[in-house]
N, C-alpha and C. Protein backbone atom coordinates (compact mmCIF):
# COMPACT_ATOMS: atom_id res chain seq x y z
N MET A 1 21.97 -16.59 -7.15
CA MET A 1 21.46 -15.27 -7.44
C MET A 1 19.95 -15.21 -7.28
N LEU A 2 19.27 -16.29 -7.72
CA LEU A 2 17.82 -16.33 -7.61
C LEU A 2 17.40 -16.31 -6.13
N ASP A 3 18.17 -16.96 -5.27
CA ASP A 3 17.85 -16.95 -3.85
C ASP A 3 17.91 -15.54 -3.26
N ALA A 4 18.92 -14.78 -3.66
CA ALA A 4 19.05 -13.40 -3.18
C ALA A 4 17.89 -12.54 -3.68
N LEU A 5 17.50 -12.74 -4.93
CA LEU A 5 16.34 -12.02 -5.48
C LEU A 5 15.08 -12.34 -4.70
N GLU A 6 14.90 -13.60 -4.36
CA GLU A 6 13.73 -14.02 -3.61
C GLU A 6 13.69 -13.39 -2.22
N VAL A 7 14.85 -13.34 -1.56
CA VAL A 7 14.91 -12.75 -0.24
C VAL A 7 14.60 -11.25 -0.30
N VAL A 8 15.24 -10.56 -1.22
CA VAL A 8 15.02 -9.12 -1.35
C VAL A 8 13.55 -8.84 -1.71
N THR A 9 13.00 -9.60 -2.63
CA THR A 9 11.60 -9.41 -3.04
C THR A 9 10.67 -9.65 -1.86
N THR A 10 10.89 -10.71 -1.12
CA THR A 10 10.04 -11.03 0.03
C THR A 10 10.12 -9.93 1.09
N VAL A 11 11.30 -9.46 1.38
CA VAL A 11 11.46 -8.42 2.39
C VAL A 11 10.82 -7.11 1.94
N VAL A 12 11.07 -6.68 0.73
CA VAL A 12 10.54 -5.41 0.23
C VAL A 12 9.03 -5.43 0.22
N VAL A 13 8.45 -6.49 -0.35
CA VAL A 13 6.98 -6.58 -0.40
C VAL A 13 6.42 -6.75 1.00
N GLY A 14 7.03 -7.56 1.83
CA GLY A 14 6.55 -7.78 3.19
C GLY A 14 6.55 -6.54 4.04
N VAL A 15 7.62 -5.77 3.97
CA VAL A 15 7.66 -4.54 4.76
C VAL A 15 6.63 -3.54 4.25
N MET A 16 6.45 -3.45 2.93
CA MET A 16 5.42 -2.57 2.37
C MET A 16 4.02 -2.96 2.91
N VAL A 17 3.74 -4.26 2.89
CA VAL A 17 2.47 -4.73 3.41
C VAL A 17 2.32 -4.37 4.89
N GLY A 18 3.40 -4.54 5.64
CA GLY A 18 3.35 -4.18 7.08
C GLY A 18 3.08 -2.71 7.32
N VAL A 19 3.72 -1.86 6.53
CA VAL A 19 3.47 -0.42 6.68
C VAL A 19 2.02 -0.08 6.36
N GLU A 20 1.50 -0.62 5.27
CA GLU A 20 0.12 -0.31 4.89
C GLU A 20 -0.88 -0.91 5.91
N PHE A 21 -0.57 -2.07 6.45
CA PHE A 21 -1.41 -2.67 7.49
C PHE A 21 -1.41 -1.74 8.73
N ALA A 22 -0.23 -1.25 9.10
CA ALA A 22 -0.11 -0.37 10.26
C ALA A 22 -0.87 0.95 10.05
N VAL A 23 -0.81 1.49 8.85
CA VAL A 23 -1.58 2.70 8.55
C VAL A 23 -3.06 2.44 8.75
N ALA A 24 -3.55 1.34 8.21
CA ALA A 24 -4.98 1.03 8.26
C ALA A 24 -5.47 0.73 9.67
N PHE A 25 -4.72 -0.07 10.40
CA PHE A 25 -5.26 -0.59 11.65
C PHE A 25 -4.62 0.00 12.91
N VAL A 26 -3.61 0.84 12.75
CA VAL A 26 -2.97 1.46 13.91
C VAL A 26 -2.97 2.98 13.79
N MET A 27 -2.26 3.49 12.80
CA MET A 27 -2.04 4.94 12.72
C MET A 27 -3.35 5.72 12.56
N ASN A 28 -4.20 5.29 11.64
CA ASN A 28 -5.43 6.05 11.42
C ASN A 28 -6.36 5.97 12.63
N ARG A 29 -6.33 4.87 13.35
CA ARG A 29 -7.12 4.77 14.59
C ARG A 29 -6.56 5.74 15.64
N ILE A 30 -5.24 5.85 15.71
CA ILE A 30 -4.63 6.80 16.62
C ILE A 30 -5.01 8.22 16.23
N PHE A 31 -4.88 8.56 14.95
CA PHE A 31 -5.23 9.90 14.50
C PHE A 31 -6.69 10.23 14.80
N ASP A 32 -7.57 9.27 14.58
CA ASP A 32 -9.00 9.50 14.79
C ASP A 32 -9.31 9.72 16.29
N ALA A 33 -8.47 9.22 17.17
CA ALA A 33 -8.71 9.39 18.61
C ALA A 33 -8.10 10.65 19.20
N LEU A 34 -7.31 11.37 18.41
CA LEU A 34 -6.69 12.57 18.94
C LEU A 34 -7.69 13.71 19.08
N PRO A 35 -7.49 14.58 20.04
CA PRO A 35 -8.45 15.66 20.26
C PRO A 35 -8.32 16.78 19.22
N GLY A 36 -9.40 17.50 19.05
CA GLY A 36 -9.42 18.69 18.21
C GLY A 36 -9.00 18.38 16.77
N ASP A 37 -8.14 19.23 16.26
CA ASP A 37 -7.70 19.13 14.87
C ASP A 37 -6.45 18.28 14.70
N ALA A 38 -5.92 17.72 15.78
CA ALA A 38 -4.67 16.98 15.72
C ALA A 38 -4.75 15.78 14.78
N GLY A 39 -5.86 15.08 14.76
CA GLY A 39 -5.99 13.91 13.89
C GLY A 39 -5.96 14.28 12.43
N GLN A 40 -6.68 15.33 12.10
CA GLN A 40 -6.67 15.78 10.68
C GLN A 40 -5.29 16.25 10.27
N LEU A 41 -4.60 16.96 11.15
CA LEU A 41 -3.25 17.41 10.86
C LEU A 41 -2.28 16.23 10.72
N GLY A 42 -2.47 15.21 11.57
CA GLY A 42 -1.65 14.00 11.49
C GLY A 42 -1.86 13.26 10.19
N ARG A 43 -3.11 13.14 9.78
CA ARG A 43 -3.40 12.49 8.49
C ARG A 43 -2.79 13.27 7.32
N ALA A 44 -2.88 14.59 7.38
CA ALA A 44 -2.29 15.41 6.30
C ALA A 44 -0.78 15.20 6.23
N HIS A 45 -0.13 15.18 7.39
CA HIS A 45 1.31 14.99 7.42
C HIS A 45 1.66 13.58 6.92
N GLY A 46 0.92 12.59 7.38
CA GLY A 46 1.14 11.22 6.91
C GLY A 46 0.92 11.11 5.40
N GLY A 47 -0.07 11.81 4.90
CA GLY A 47 -0.32 11.79 3.45
C GLY A 47 0.83 12.38 2.66
N ARG A 48 1.42 13.44 3.20
CA ARG A 48 2.58 14.04 2.51
C ARG A 48 3.78 13.09 2.57
N MET A 49 4.06 12.58 3.77
CA MET A 49 5.25 11.74 3.96
C MET A 49 5.14 10.42 3.18
N LEU A 50 4.07 9.69 3.44
CA LEU A 50 3.93 8.40 2.76
C LEU A 50 3.58 8.56 1.28
N GLY A 51 2.93 9.66 0.93
CA GLY A 51 2.61 9.93 -0.46
C GLY A 51 3.87 10.10 -1.31
N ALA A 52 4.96 10.48 -0.68
CA ALA A 52 6.23 10.63 -1.40
C ALA A 52 6.97 9.32 -1.56
N VAL A 53 6.79 8.40 -0.61
CA VAL A 53 7.57 7.16 -0.59
C VAL A 53 6.83 5.96 -1.18
N MET A 54 5.52 5.89 -0.96
CA MET A 54 4.80 4.68 -1.34
C MET A 54 4.74 4.42 -2.85
N PRO A 55 4.66 5.43 -3.71
CA PRO A 55 4.67 5.11 -5.14
C PRO A 55 5.93 4.34 -5.55
N VAL A 56 7.08 4.76 -5.03
CA VAL A 56 8.33 4.08 -5.35
C VAL A 56 8.29 2.65 -4.80
N TRP A 57 7.76 2.49 -3.59
CA TRP A 57 7.70 1.18 -2.95
C TRP A 57 6.77 0.23 -3.69
N TYR A 58 5.59 0.74 -4.08
CA TYR A 58 4.64 -0.11 -4.81
C TYR A 58 5.21 -0.54 -6.17
N ILE A 59 5.77 0.42 -6.91
CA ILE A 59 6.32 0.10 -8.22
C ILE A 59 7.54 -0.80 -8.08
N GLY A 60 8.39 -0.49 -7.10
CA GLY A 60 9.57 -1.33 -6.85
C GLY A 60 9.17 -2.75 -6.49
N SER A 61 8.16 -2.91 -5.68
CA SER A 61 7.68 -4.26 -5.32
C SER A 61 7.19 -4.99 -6.55
N LEU A 62 6.43 -4.30 -7.35
CA LEU A 62 5.88 -4.90 -8.58
C LEU A 62 7.03 -5.31 -9.54
N VAL A 63 8.01 -4.46 -9.67
CA VAL A 63 9.15 -4.78 -10.55
C VAL A 63 9.91 -6.01 -10.02
N LEU A 64 10.15 -6.04 -8.72
CA LEU A 64 10.85 -7.19 -8.14
C LEU A 64 10.07 -8.48 -8.36
N VAL A 65 8.75 -8.44 -8.15
CA VAL A 65 7.96 -9.66 -8.37
C VAL A 65 7.97 -10.04 -9.84
N ALA A 66 7.91 -9.07 -10.74
CA ALA A 66 7.96 -9.39 -12.17
C ALA A 66 9.31 -10.00 -12.56
N VAL A 67 10.38 -9.44 -12.04
CA VAL A 67 11.72 -9.98 -12.33
C VAL A 67 11.82 -11.40 -11.79
N ARG A 68 11.30 -11.63 -10.61
CA ARG A 68 11.33 -13.00 -10.02
C ARG A 68 10.49 -13.94 -10.86
N ALA A 69 9.35 -13.48 -11.35
CA ALA A 69 8.49 -14.34 -12.17
C ALA A 69 9.21 -14.72 -13.47
N VAL A 70 9.89 -13.78 -14.08
CA VAL A 70 10.62 -14.07 -15.32
C VAL A 70 11.83 -14.96 -15.03
N ALA A 71 12.56 -14.64 -13.99
CA ALA A 71 13.78 -15.42 -13.67
C ALA A 71 13.44 -16.85 -13.27
N GLY A 72 12.28 -17.05 -12.65
CA GLY A 72 11.90 -18.39 -12.22
C GLY A 72 10.80 -18.98 -13.06
N TRP A 73 10.76 -18.62 -14.34
CA TRP A 73 9.65 -19.02 -15.21
C TRP A 73 9.42 -20.54 -15.21
N GLN A 74 10.46 -21.32 -15.14
CA GLN A 74 10.33 -22.77 -15.19
C GLN A 74 10.03 -23.40 -13.84
N ASP A 75 10.09 -22.61 -12.77
CA ASP A 75 9.89 -23.15 -11.43
C ASP A 75 8.45 -23.56 -11.18
N GLU A 76 8.32 -24.64 -10.43
CA GLU A 76 6.99 -25.06 -10.00
C GLU A 76 6.44 -23.97 -9.08
N GLY A 77 5.21 -23.64 -9.22
CA GLY A 77 4.61 -22.62 -8.35
C GLY A 77 4.78 -21.21 -8.86
N ASN A 78 5.41 -21.03 -10.03
CA ASN A 78 5.63 -19.68 -10.56
C ASN A 78 4.29 -19.00 -10.88
N GLY A 79 3.26 -19.79 -11.11
CA GLY A 79 1.93 -19.21 -11.33
C GLY A 79 1.49 -18.39 -10.13
N LEU A 80 1.88 -18.81 -8.93
CA LEU A 80 1.55 -18.02 -7.74
C LEU A 80 2.29 -16.69 -7.75
N THR A 81 3.52 -16.68 -8.23
CA THR A 81 4.28 -15.44 -8.32
C THR A 81 3.61 -14.50 -9.34
N VAL A 82 3.21 -15.05 -10.46
CA VAL A 82 2.54 -14.25 -11.50
C VAL A 82 1.22 -13.70 -10.95
N THR A 83 0.49 -14.51 -10.22
CA THR A 83 -0.77 -14.04 -9.64
C THR A 83 -0.53 -12.97 -8.58
N ALA A 84 0.55 -13.13 -7.79
CA ALA A 84 0.92 -12.08 -6.83
C ALA A 84 1.22 -10.77 -7.57
N GLY A 85 1.93 -10.87 -8.69
CA GLY A 85 2.21 -9.68 -9.49
C GLY A 85 0.95 -9.04 -10.02
N ALA A 86 0.01 -9.88 -10.46
CA ALA A 86 -1.27 -9.35 -10.96
C ALA A 86 -2.01 -8.60 -9.85
N LEU A 87 -1.99 -9.14 -8.64
CA LEU A 87 -2.64 -8.46 -7.52
C LEU A 87 -1.92 -7.15 -7.18
N LEU A 88 -0.61 -7.12 -7.32
CA LEU A 88 0.10 -5.85 -7.10
C LEU A 88 -0.26 -4.84 -8.17
N ILE A 89 -0.49 -5.29 -9.40
CA ILE A 89 -0.97 -4.37 -10.44
C ILE A 89 -2.33 -3.81 -10.03
N VAL A 90 -3.21 -4.66 -9.55
CA VAL A 90 -4.52 -4.18 -9.05
C VAL A 90 -4.33 -3.14 -7.97
N SER A 91 -3.41 -3.37 -7.05
CA SER A 91 -3.19 -2.41 -5.95
C SER A 91 -2.66 -1.09 -6.47
N VAL A 92 -1.81 -1.12 -7.48
CA VAL A 92 -1.28 0.12 -8.07
C VAL A 92 -2.41 0.88 -8.78
N LEU A 93 -3.22 0.16 -9.51
CA LEU A 93 -4.35 0.78 -10.20
C LEU A 93 -5.33 1.39 -9.19
N MET A 94 -5.63 0.64 -8.14
CA MET A 94 -6.51 1.18 -7.08
C MET A 94 -5.92 2.46 -6.50
N SER A 95 -4.62 2.43 -6.25
CA SER A 95 -3.95 3.59 -5.67
C SER A 95 -4.09 4.81 -6.57
N VAL A 96 -3.70 4.63 -7.81
CA VAL A 96 -3.67 5.76 -8.76
C VAL A 96 -5.08 6.31 -9.03
N LEU A 97 -6.01 5.39 -9.22
CA LEU A 97 -7.38 5.81 -9.63
C LEU A 97 -8.26 6.21 -8.47
N LEU A 98 -8.07 5.63 -7.30
CA LEU A 98 -9.04 5.85 -6.22
C LEU A 98 -8.44 6.53 -4.99
N LEU A 99 -7.30 6.07 -4.53
CA LEU A 99 -6.76 6.56 -3.25
C LEU A 99 -5.91 7.82 -3.39
N VAL A 100 -5.06 7.87 -4.40
CA VAL A 100 -4.18 9.03 -4.56
C VAL A 100 -4.96 10.36 -4.74
N PRO A 101 -6.04 10.38 -5.51
CA PRO A 101 -6.77 11.65 -5.60
C PRO A 101 -7.27 12.18 -4.25
N ILE A 102 -7.76 11.28 -3.42
CA ILE A 102 -8.22 11.69 -2.09
C ILE A 102 -7.02 12.13 -1.25
N ASN A 103 -5.93 11.35 -1.31
CA ASN A 103 -4.73 11.69 -0.55
C ASN A 103 -4.16 13.04 -0.99
N ASN A 104 -4.17 13.31 -2.28
CA ASN A 104 -3.62 14.57 -2.77
C ASN A 104 -4.41 15.76 -2.23
N ARG A 105 -5.71 15.58 -2.08
CA ARG A 105 -6.50 16.67 -1.48
C ARG A 105 -6.21 16.78 0.01
N GLY A 106 -6.27 15.62 0.69
CA GLY A 106 -6.14 15.59 2.14
C GLY A 106 -4.80 16.08 2.66
N LYS A 107 -3.74 15.87 1.91
CA LYS A 107 -2.43 16.27 2.41
C LYS A 107 -2.24 17.78 2.41
N THR A 108 -3.13 18.50 1.75
CA THR A 108 -3.02 19.98 1.74
C THR A 108 -3.95 20.65 2.76
N TRP A 109 -4.79 19.85 3.39
CA TRP A 109 -5.80 20.45 4.30
C TRP A 109 -5.20 20.87 5.62
N THR A 110 -5.72 21.99 6.09
CA THR A 110 -5.47 22.49 7.43
C THR A 110 -6.83 22.74 8.06
N PRO A 111 -6.89 22.99 9.33
CA PRO A 111 -8.21 23.29 9.93
C PRO A 111 -8.87 24.51 9.29
N GLU A 112 -8.08 25.38 8.70
CA GLU A 112 -8.64 26.59 8.10
C GLU A 112 -9.16 26.37 6.67
N ASN A 113 -8.62 25.40 5.93
CA ASN A 113 -9.02 25.27 4.52
C ASN A 113 -9.69 23.95 4.16
N ARG A 114 -9.84 23.06 5.12
CA ARG A 114 -10.44 21.76 4.80
C ARG A 114 -11.91 21.92 4.45
N PRO A 115 -12.39 21.04 3.55
CA PRO A 115 -13.81 21.12 3.17
C PRO A 115 -14.72 20.59 4.26
N ALA A 116 -15.98 20.93 4.18
CA ALA A 116 -16.95 20.51 5.20
C ALA A 116 -17.06 18.98 5.27
N ASP A 117 -16.85 18.33 4.13
CA ASP A 117 -17.01 16.86 4.10
C ASP A 117 -15.67 16.13 4.24
N TRP A 118 -14.69 16.73 4.88
CA TRP A 118 -13.36 16.12 4.96
C TRP A 118 -13.40 14.77 5.68
N LYS A 119 -14.23 14.64 6.69
CA LYS A 119 -14.31 13.36 7.41
C LYS A 119 -14.87 12.26 6.52
N GLU A 120 -15.88 12.60 5.71
CA GLU A 120 -16.45 11.63 4.79
C GLU A 120 -15.41 11.20 3.75
N GLN A 121 -14.62 12.16 3.28
CA GLN A 121 -13.57 11.82 2.31
C GLN A 121 -12.50 10.93 2.95
N MET A 122 -12.16 11.18 4.20
CA MET A 122 -11.20 10.32 4.87
C MET A 122 -11.79 8.93 5.13
N ASN A 123 -13.06 8.87 5.47
CA ASN A 123 -13.70 7.57 5.66
C ASN A 123 -13.72 6.76 4.36
N ARG A 124 -13.96 7.44 3.23
CA ARG A 124 -13.91 6.76 1.92
C ARG A 124 -12.50 6.25 1.68
N TRP A 125 -11.48 7.09 1.95
CA TRP A 125 -10.11 6.65 1.76
C TRP A 125 -9.82 5.43 2.63
N ASP A 126 -10.28 5.46 3.88
CA ASP A 126 -10.05 4.32 4.79
C ASP A 126 -10.67 3.05 4.22
N ARG A 127 -11.92 3.12 3.76
CA ARG A 127 -12.60 1.93 3.23
C ARG A 127 -11.84 1.38 2.01
N LEU A 128 -11.44 2.27 1.11
CA LEU A 128 -10.69 1.82 -0.06
C LEU A 128 -9.32 1.25 0.34
N HIS A 129 -8.74 1.85 1.34
CA HIS A 129 -7.43 1.38 1.82
C HIS A 129 -7.55 -0.02 2.43
N TYR A 130 -8.63 -0.30 3.15
CA TYR A 130 -8.84 -1.65 3.68
C TYR A 130 -8.84 -2.67 2.55
N VAL A 131 -9.52 -2.35 1.46
CA VAL A 131 -9.57 -3.26 0.32
C VAL A 131 -8.17 -3.43 -0.27
N ARG A 132 -7.45 -2.30 -0.41
CA ARG A 132 -6.09 -2.38 -0.96
C ARG A 132 -5.19 -3.22 -0.05
N VAL A 133 -5.32 -3.06 1.25
CA VAL A 133 -4.51 -3.88 2.18
C VAL A 133 -4.85 -5.36 1.98
N ALA A 134 -6.11 -5.68 1.83
CA ALA A 134 -6.48 -7.10 1.60
C ALA A 134 -5.84 -7.61 0.31
N VAL A 135 -5.82 -6.79 -0.70
CA VAL A 135 -5.23 -7.19 -2.01
C VAL A 135 -3.72 -7.43 -1.84
N ILE A 136 -3.01 -6.52 -1.14
CA ILE A 136 -1.56 -6.71 -1.04
C ILE A 136 -1.20 -7.81 -0.04
N VAL A 137 -2.04 -8.04 0.97
CA VAL A 137 -1.80 -9.17 1.87
C VAL A 137 -1.97 -10.47 1.05
N ALA A 138 -2.98 -10.53 0.21
CA ALA A 138 -3.15 -11.72 -0.64
C ALA A 138 -1.96 -11.89 -1.57
N ALA A 139 -1.46 -10.79 -2.17
CA ALA A 139 -0.30 -10.87 -3.05
C ALA A 139 0.92 -11.38 -2.30
N PHE A 140 1.13 -10.87 -1.09
CA PHE A 140 2.29 -11.27 -0.31
C PHE A 140 2.18 -12.75 0.08
N THR A 141 0.99 -13.18 0.45
CA THR A 141 0.76 -14.58 0.83
C THR A 141 1.09 -15.49 -0.36
N LEU A 142 0.60 -15.12 -1.53
CA LEU A 142 0.89 -15.93 -2.73
C LEU A 142 2.37 -15.93 -3.06
N LEU A 143 3.00 -14.79 -2.92
CA LEU A 143 4.44 -14.71 -3.17
C LEU A 143 5.22 -15.63 -2.24
N VAL A 144 4.92 -15.58 -0.95
CA VAL A 144 5.63 -16.42 0.00
C VAL A 144 5.33 -17.90 -0.29
N ALA A 145 4.11 -18.21 -0.60
CA ALA A 145 3.77 -19.63 -0.92
C ALA A 145 4.52 -20.09 -2.16
N ALA A 146 4.72 -19.20 -3.12
CA ALA A 146 5.42 -19.58 -4.35
C ALA A 146 6.90 -19.84 -4.09
N LEU A 147 7.45 -19.15 -3.10
CA LEU A 147 8.90 -19.24 -2.87
C LEU A 147 9.28 -20.27 -1.82
N VAL A 148 8.32 -20.85 -1.18
CA VAL A 148 8.61 -21.85 -0.14
C VAL A 148 8.96 -23.20 -0.76
């Protein structure tokens, strides 16, 4: 049973990390290269779509890592699992306190109602997102190292 939990946890956290990596280094670069207002509209749509799914994914990943840490409490290397969980907590806090407020504004913007500083706000979101990606990559790395 513990093996199945480890596989599910690794897959769920790994795919989440992959999606966030792709947003940071692929999708947003594509949106920024689109002509006219298409990039801003793409970011708004992405904010709505991913804004609905990512909270469940982040919390689900954290719960799975916590369950694995408790279930494998006596295992060698469980400290890495606990540290991975702590980093996921940091990523959730970053999301709620820093990224979600910007995303909540950005997902409602259209070319007609966006603020004059919308690009600066998106650049701030991007910078914070890079840090969050680094945190969840570190969490995933520790998780995999703990389970090997």
